[in-house]
Structure formats: structure tokens, C-alpha cells
Amino acid sequence: TVRHPLCAKYPPSTKYRRSFLTELIKKHEATAAEPLDELYDALADILNEEESTRSYKSYLLPSGEPVTLSESVAIVSGGTTGLITWDAALQLAQWAIENNSAFRDRTVLELGSGIGFTGIAICKTCHPKAYVFSDCHPAVLQQLAENIRLNGFVLEPGKTRHIQTEPQGQEEEATNYQNPKLNPRLIVAELDWGSVTEKQLLDLQPDVVIAADVVYDPEIILALIGMLQKLAACRVARKAPEVYIAVTVRNPDTYHLFQAELDKVGIGWRIIPAHSKSIFLYDVQPNVTILQLFI
């Protein structure tokens, strides 16, 4: 947490490191052990640090490889909640890693990618053919692109792709300098669920569609379902994409509204059984549900 090379290069928040060291020193002092001077020195250094509005969080994949993200230290920043990682994203990534055959050699479209944890974890472990990260907030898209680069993927120079305006073939591609043979084609897309057309979605041709923590507001639910209907309508001769959505049930009424609206438009759904163990270190929320939708 403090002296590890990864955390030295990409330090967690000042507040977190201060709390961690303070608690560690207390635990040492509560025993017969004498805390190392190095602990006091490290705490003294951190006490003199200024708080920053941004910090890093690193998560270790089962392979031991890290996913490191630059995040906002505030839950709401710049008018959006998309600049931090939410529990549903962690649980969706864990499910994907445990079921990687659903993503291998396939084109994945992620709705509401936020700062990119789920997609980066999938790209590093599940070997998709192509991965489309999408969101609609400019600050989120900028941070998303930065985090993709931070994790060893190289985006070509230029702006993120605007699905609404740019013709097919103008997408950004990325190469992973660590595993060029296993590298998926990466696209960062500005995607507005309300205005995107069926033809524009057809150009993406996703085999799998995923989203985490996008069901928290009735208005967003209606836009999301409209988007799913467009995806269903634009498949032509292709098989409909598989759809998986991780939902944090904060308000049962909102969650039930989502299910009712799905039923109303004829989109089938089932709850995927929860996994038994945690891959990532975080407080597991019992109220995260992963739904498979049938569009």
C-alpha cells in the first residue's frame, strides 16, 4: 500500500495512505512489537502532503497483473458520478473473468464505461476480438482514454470517436505493446443512447453488450431500453447480441421499474447466480445483481 513499487509509481489517495499507516502503527503499538521507524517516517511524509482531487487505485487480476486507474477522490466530480469505479463494475469484471469464453474472439460493446475498469480487466484477461468503450460525458471520455493508455494500451493520436457523426472506419485503434498477438481492437466512443441510430449501431456489430451501474434513474432506464430496442432492430441477418447488465439495487422501486419496462417491450431477462468468491479486494455489496437480457 505504501512502499510497493506499484503504489510508489501510482499512489493511492493521501487520505487512504494516512489512514492505512495510522491503523498499522496502532496495531503494532497494541502488541509487544516495536513499530519500524520507517512507518513513522512514511506517515510523517504523508502528513506533509497536500490532498489532491485525483488519486490512483490498483486492482490485481488473478494473473497478478494490475489494473491501475486514475480516479476522482469525490463521488460526484464535474457534474458526473462517472469518474470513480463502482462495485457493480468490479462484480461484472469478476463474472467476465470467470466466464471468459463469453468474450473470447468476440466484439464487445460496453455502455456507460465510466473510467474503464470493467473493459480494461476484460481486455487483459478475456481476449476479445474488439472492445468498444462508450460513454457520453466529455470529462469521463477523457479520463477513460487516459486509463486505457495507463494500462499498456496505446491509442492512436486524435479524439475519441463520435458515433453520431464520424463515418465507419474512423475509429481509434490501440495496440498492447506487451501482448501484440493477443491485442483486441480498442475503440473509445461518445455514445448518446437517445440520439444514436440503428445504422450507427449496426456499424459496430457487437456480439456481446455489457453495462454496469446504469440502472439508477427512471429517465435513464427508458433511454437504456430504447437503446436495447435499437440494437435488437439493427441486427439484420446476424444473431442478436448477448446482453449482460450489472445492477446495484439501491432503490427497489427503480429496479422493479427496470424489470417492468423490460417486460413491457418484450425483452426477456434472467438473474445470473452470484459467484462464490471474490477476486478483487473490496467490500462486497450483497445488493449487486447481474441480469442477462434477451433482446
Protein backbone atom coordinates (compact mmCIF):
# COMPACT_ATOMS: atom_id res chain seq x y z
CA THR A 1 0.00 0.00 0.00
CA VAL A 2 2.82 2.43 0.81
CA ARG A 3 6.23 1.08 -0.25
CA HIS A 4 5.16 -1.28 -3.03
CA PRO A 5 6.67 -0.17 -6.40
CA LEU A 6 3.19 -0.01 -8.00
CA CYS A 7 1.89 2.31 -5.26
CA ALA A 8 5.08 4.37 -5.32
CA LYS A 9 4.53 4.98 -9.04
CA TYR A 10 0.73 5.34 -8.82
CA PRO A 11 -0.03 6.43 -5.23
CA PRO A 12 -3.45 5.87 -3.63
CA SER A 13 -5.17 8.92 -2.15
CA THR A 14 -3.34 10.82 0.60
CA LYS A 15 -6.28 10.26 2.95
CA TYR A 16 -6.25 6.50 2.36
CA ARG A 17 -2.47 6.14 2.87
CA ARG A 18 -2.64 8.27 6.02
CA SER A 19 -5.48 6.16 7.46
CA PHE A 20 -3.74 2.91 6.49
CA LEU A 21 -0.43 3.85 8.16
CA THR A 22 -2.12 5.24 11.27
CA GLU A 23 -4.08 1.99 11.72
CA LEU A 24 -1.00 -0.16 11.04
CA ILE A 25 1.07 1.73 13.62
CA LYS A 26 -1.77 1.39 16.18
CA LYS A 27 -1.86 -2.37 15.63
CA HIS A 28 1.90 -2.59 16.14
CA GLU A 29 1.78 -0.43 19.26
CA ALA A 30 -1.00 -2.61 20.71
CA THR A 31 1.36 -5.60 20.72
CA ALA A 32 4.80 -6.13 22.20
CA ALA A 33 6.30 -5.32 18.80
CA GLU A 34 8.06 -2.02 18.29
CA PRO A 35 6.88 -0.33 15.06
CA LEU A 36 9.59 0.26 12.49
CA ASP A 37 10.92 3.80 12.26
CA GLU A 38 10.16 3.53 8.54
CA LEU A 39 6.43 3.51 9.36
CA TYR A 40 6.69 6.76 11.33
CA ASP A 41 8.84 8.31 8.61
CA ALA A 42 6.32 7.34 5.93
CA LEU A 43 3.43 8.76 7.98
CA ALA A 44 5.34 12.00 8.55
CA ASP A 45 5.90 12.33 4.79
CA ILE A 46 2.19 11.77 4.08
CA LEU A 47 1.07 14.25 6.78
CA ASN A 48 3.00 16.92 4.89
CA GLU A 49 1.39 16.03 1.55
CA GLU A 50 -1.36 18.17 0.09
CA GLU A 51 -4.66 16.47 -0.68
CA SER A 52 -5.29 16.02 -4.39
CA THR A 53 -8.59 15.86 -6.28
CA ARG A 54 -7.30 12.78 -8.12
CA SER A 55 -5.58 9.59 -6.99
CA TYR A 56 -4.86 6.09 -8.23
CA LYS A 57 -6.45 2.75 -7.40
CA SER A 58 -4.85 -0.54 -8.41
CA TYR A 59 -6.55 -3.92 -8.56
CA LEU A 60 -4.70 -7.21 -9.09
CA LEU A 61 -6.07 -9.65 -11.67
CA PRO A 62 -5.85 -13.42 -10.98
CA SER A 63 -2.69 -13.47 -13.15
CA GLY A 64 -1.08 -10.96 -10.77
CA GLU A 65 -1.15 -8.23 -13.44
CA PRO A 66 -2.57 -4.94 -12.15
CA VAL A 67 -5.34 -2.73 -13.47
CA THR A 68 -4.45 0.80 -12.37
CA LEU A 69 -6.93 3.66 -12.67
CA SER A 70 -6.74 7.39 -12.17
CA GLU A 71 -9.90 8.33 -10.29
CA SER A 72 -11.56 11.34 -8.71
CA VAL A 73 -11.47 11.30 -4.91
CA ALA A 74 -15.03 12.72 -4.85
CA ILE A 75 -18.14 10.64 -5.60
CA VAL A 76 -19.53 13.49 -7.70
CA SER A 77 -16.98 15.46 -9.71
CA GLY A 78 -17.50 17.78 -12.66
CA GLY A 79 -21.24 17.13 -12.56
CA THR A 80 -20.89 13.36 -13.06
CA THR A 81 -20.56 10.20 -10.96
CA GLY A 82 -18.60 8.54 -13.79
CA LEU A 83 -15.10 9.43 -12.55
CA ILE A 84 -14.89 6.66 -9.92
CA THR A 85 -15.22 2.87 -10.02
CA TRP A 86 -18.46 1.42 -8.61
CA ASP A 87 -18.95 -2.02 -7.05
CA ALA A 88 -21.15 -3.27 -9.90
CA ALA A 89 -18.23 -2.71 -12.31
CA LEU A 90 -15.97 -4.84 -10.10
CA GLN A 91 -18.52 -7.64 -9.86
CA LEU A 92 -19.24 -7.59 -13.60
CA ALA A 93 -15.50 -7.80 -14.31
CA GLN A 94 -15.20 -10.72 -11.89
CA TRP A 95 -18.07 -12.54 -13.59
CA ALA A 96 -16.50 -11.89 -17.01
CA ILE A 97 -13.13 -13.29 -15.89
CA GLU A 98 -14.85 -16.41 -14.54
CA ASN A 99 -16.81 -16.75 -17.82
CA ASN A 100 -14.18 -15.56 -20.29
CA SER A 101 -15.41 -17.82 -23.11
CA ALA A 102 -18.38 -15.43 -23.49
CA PHE A 103 -15.91 -12.70 -24.60
CA ARG A 104 -13.03 -14.52 -26.30
CA ASP A 105 -12.61 -13.55 -30.00
CA ARG A 106 -15.84 -11.53 -29.91
CA THR A 107 -16.73 -7.85 -30.35
CA VAL A 108 -17.87 -6.31 -27.06
CA LEU A 109 -19.80 -3.05 -26.67
CA GLU A 110 -19.80 -1.59 -23.16
CA LEU A 111 -22.45 1.02 -22.34
CA GLY A 112 -21.52 3.63 -19.73
CA SER A 113 -17.88 2.54 -19.42
CA GLY A 114 -17.02 5.25 -16.88
CA ILE A 115 -13.28 5.32 -16.23
CA GLY A 116 -12.79 1.88 -17.71
CA PHE A 117 -12.20 -0.77 -15.02
CA THR A 118 -14.50 -3.48 -16.40
CA GLY A 119 -13.36 -3.10 -20.00
CA ILE A 120 -9.64 -2.95 -19.19
CA ALA A 121 -9.95 -6.07 -17.00
CA ILE A 122 -11.80 -7.90 -19.81
CA CYS A 123 -9.26 -6.81 -22.44
CA LYS A 124 -6.38 -8.06 -20.25
CA THR A 125 -7.93 -11.42 -19.36
CA CYS A 126 -10.67 -12.49 -21.81
CA HIS A 127 -9.01 -11.77 -25.20
CA PRO A 128 -11.94 -10.18 -27.08
CA LYS A 129 -11.52 -9.52 -30.81
CA ALA A 130 -12.63 -5.89 -30.40
CA TYR A 131 -13.82 -3.78 -27.47
CA VAL A 132 -15.87 -0.60 -27.71
CA PHE A 133 -15.72 1.57 -24.58
CA SER A 134 -18.56 4.12 -24.63
CA ASP A 135 -19.87 6.98 -22.52
CA CYS A 136 -21.42 10.39 -23.13
CA HIS A 137 -19.70 12.76 -20.67
CA PRO A 138 -16.63 14.57 -22.11
CA ALA A 139 -14.64 14.50 -18.84
CA VAL A 140 -15.36 10.79 -18.42
CA LEU A 141 -14.27 10.03 -22.01
CA GLN A 142 -11.03 11.94 -21.46
CA GLN A 143 -10.27 10.07 -18.23
CA LEU A 144 -11.27 6.77 -19.85
CA ALA A 145 -8.75 7.24 -22.68
CA GLU A 146 -6.05 8.15 -20.15
CA ASN A 147 -6.69 4.99 -18.11
CA ILE A 148 -6.60 2.78 -21.21
CA ARG A 149 -3.12 4.17 -22.02
CA LEU A 150 -2.09 3.82 -18.37
CA ASN A 151 -2.65 0.06 -18.59
CA GLY A 152 -0.34 -0.61 -21.52
CA PHE A 153 -2.69 0.05 -24.43
CA VAL A 154 -1.67 2.69 -26.95
CA LEU A 155 -4.44 4.75 -28.52
CA GLU A 156 -3.63 6.41 -31.81
CA PRO A 157 -3.45 10.23 -31.71
CA GLY A 158 -6.75 12.04 -32.16
CA LYS A 159 -10.06 12.49 -30.49
CA THR A 160 -12.42 9.81 -29.28
CA ARG A 161 -14.82 8.54 -31.88
CA HIS A 162 -18.19 10.27 -32.13
CA ILE A 163 -20.54 7.52 -33.25
CA GLN A 164 -23.16 10.09 -34.21
CA THR A 165 -21.02 11.98 -36.72
CA GLU A 166 -17.95 10.13 -37.95
CA PRO A 167 -18.20 7.55 -40.73
CA GLN A 168 -17.31 3.91 -40.23
CA GLY A 169 -13.60 3.25 -40.28
CA GLN A 170 -12.60 6.39 -38.39
CA GLU A 171 -12.42 4.65 -35.04
CA GLU A 172 -9.29 4.76 -32.94
CA GLU A 173 -7.36 1.56 -32.63
CA ALA A 174 -4.99 0.57 -29.87
CA THR A 175 -2.14 -1.87 -29.58
CA ASN A 176 -0.95 -3.53 -26.39
CA TYR A 177 2.83 -3.44 -26.51
CA GLN A 178 3.01 -6.31 -24.03
CA ASN A 179 0.93 -8.85 -25.98
CA PRO A 180 0.59 -7.68 -29.61
CA LYS A 181 -0.72 -11.07 -30.80
CA LEU A 182 -3.48 -11.11 -28.20
CA ASN A 183 -4.38 -7.47 -28.63
CA PRO A 184 -8.03 -6.55 -29.25
CA ARG A 185 -9.01 -3.60 -31.44
CA LEU A 186 -9.99 -0.86 -28.99
CA ILE A 187 -12.44 1.96 -29.66
CA VAL A 188 -13.39 4.82 -27.34
CA ALA A 189 -16.79 6.13 -28.41
CA GLU A 190 -19.03 9.02 -27.43
CA LEU A 191 -22.42 7.33 -27.40
CA ASP A 192 -25.71 9.10 -26.64
CA TRP A 193 -28.40 6.46 -26.11
CA GLY A 194 -31.16 8.85 -27.08
CA SER A 195 -29.79 10.03 -30.44
CA VAL A 196 -27.78 7.08 -31.77
CA THR A 197 -29.39 5.44 -34.83
CA GLU A 198 -29.85 1.79 -35.72
CA LYS A 199 -27.47 2.16 -38.67
CA GLN A 200 -24.73 3.58 -36.45
CA LEU A 201 -25.15 0.65 -34.07
CA LEU A 202 -25.11 -1.77 -36.98
CA ASP A 203 -21.65 -0.46 -37.92
CA LEU A 204 -20.36 -1.61 -34.52
CA GLN A 205 -21.77 -5.16 -34.90
CA PRO A 206 -21.34 -6.21 -31.25
CA ASP A 207 -21.55 -9.88 -30.29
CA VAL A 208 -21.82 -9.00 -26.59
CA VAL A 209 -23.21 -5.89 -24.87
CA ILE A 210 -22.43 -5.18 -21.22
CA ALA A 211 -23.09 -2.39 -18.73
CA ALA A 212 -22.57 -1.82 -15.00
CA ASP A 213 -24.47 0.52 -12.70
CA VAL A 214 -26.58 2.17 -15.41
CA VAL A 215 -29.96 1.44 -13.78
CA TYR A 216 -30.34 4.12 -11.10
CA ASP A 217 -32.78 6.66 -12.53
CA PRO A 218 -36.17 6.20 -14.26
CA GLU A 219 -35.27 8.52 -17.15
CA ILE A 220 -32.00 6.67 -17.79
CA ILE A 221 -33.88 3.34 -17.68
CA LEU A 222 -36.17 4.42 -20.53
CA ALA A 223 -33.21 5.64 -22.62
CA LEU A 224 -31.35 2.38 -21.96
CA ILE A 225 -34.31 0.24 -23.01
CA GLY A 226 -34.74 2.37 -26.16
CA MET A 227 -31.09 1.72 -26.94
CA LEU A 228 -31.55 -2.04 -26.44
CA GLN A 229 -34.54 -1.98 -28.79
CA LYS A 230 -32.41 -0.26 -31.46
CA LEU A 231 -29.75 -2.95 -31.01
CA ALA A 232 -32.40 -5.64 -31.43
CA ALA A 233 -33.82 -4.00 -34.56
CA CYS A 234 -30.50 -3.45 -36.32
CA ARG A 235 -29.15 -6.98 -36.32
CA VAL A 236 -30.49 -7.85 -39.85
CA ALA A 237 -29.34 -11.45 -40.52
CA ARG A 238 -26.99 -11.52 -37.56
CA LYS A 239 -27.81 -13.17 -34.27
CA ALA A 240 -28.86 -10.74 -31.55
CA PRO A 241 -26.01 -9.81 -29.20
CA GLU A 242 -25.83 -11.33 -25.74
CA VAL A 243 -26.55 -8.65 -23.12
CA TYR A 244 -25.36 -8.63 -19.50
CA ILE A 245 -26.13 -5.77 -17.11
CA ALA A 246 -24.85 -5.50 -13.52
CA VAL A 247 -27.32 -3.61 -11.33
CA THR A 248 -26.77 -2.21 -7.86
CA VAL A 249 -30.19 -2.27 -6.19
CA ARG A 250 -30.18 0.97 -4.21
CA ASN A 251 -33.88 1.68 -4.65
CA PRO A 252 -36.05 -1.46 -5.09
CA ASP A 253 -38.73 0.61 -6.87
CA THR A 254 -36.25 1.69 -9.56
CA TYR A 255 -35.00 -1.87 -10.01
CA HIS A 256 -38.55 -3.22 -10.32
CA LEU A 257 -39.39 -0.44 -12.78
CA PHE A 258 -36.49 -1.61 -14.95
CA GLN A 259 -37.82 -5.18 -14.90
CA ALA A 260 -41.37 -3.99 -15.62
CA GLU A 261 -40.24 -1.83 -18.56
CA LEU A 262 -38.27 -4.77 -19.98
CA ASP A 263 -41.39 -6.93 -19.73
CA LYS A 264 -43.47 -4.20 -21.37
CA VAL A 265 -41.33 -4.14 -24.53
CA GLY A 266 -40.85 -7.90 -24.65
CA ILE A 267 -37.20 -8.09 -23.58
CA GLY A 268 -36.68 -11.29 -21.59
CA TRP A 269 -34.35 -11.42 -18.60
CA ARG A 270 -32.91 -13.79 -16.04
CA ILE A 271 -30.79 -13.33 -12.93
CA ILE A 272 -27.33 -14.87 -13.18
CA PRO A 273 -26.38 -16.73 -9.96
CA ALA A 274 -23.89 -14.85 -7.79
CA HIS A 275 -20.28 -16.02 -7.72
CA SER A 276 -19.00 -17.67 -4.57
CA LYS A 277 -15.65 -15.95 -4.05
CA SER A 278 -14.14 -12.51 -4.54
CA ILE A 279 -11.24 -11.96 -6.92
CA PHE A 280 -10.75 -8.29 -6.03
CA LEU A 281 -10.28 -6.72 -2.61
CA TYR A 282 -13.36 -4.60 -1.92
CA ASP A 283 -16.42 -4.56 0.31
CA VAL A 284 -18.77 -6.97 -1.46
CA GLN A 285 -22.20 -5.44 -1.78
CA PRO A 286 -24.98 -8.03 -1.41
CA ASN A 287 -27.30 -5.86 -3.49
CA VAL A 288 -25.50 -6.21 -6.83
CA THR A 289 -27.37 -8.38 -9.35
CA ILE A 290 -26.23 -9.40 -12.85
CA LEU A 291 -29.03 -9.79 -15.37
CA GLN A 292 -28.84 -11.49 -18.75
CA LEU A 293 -31.24 -9.84 -21.19
CA PHE A 294 -32.72 -11.46 -24.30
CA ILE A 295 -33.34 -8.78 -26.93
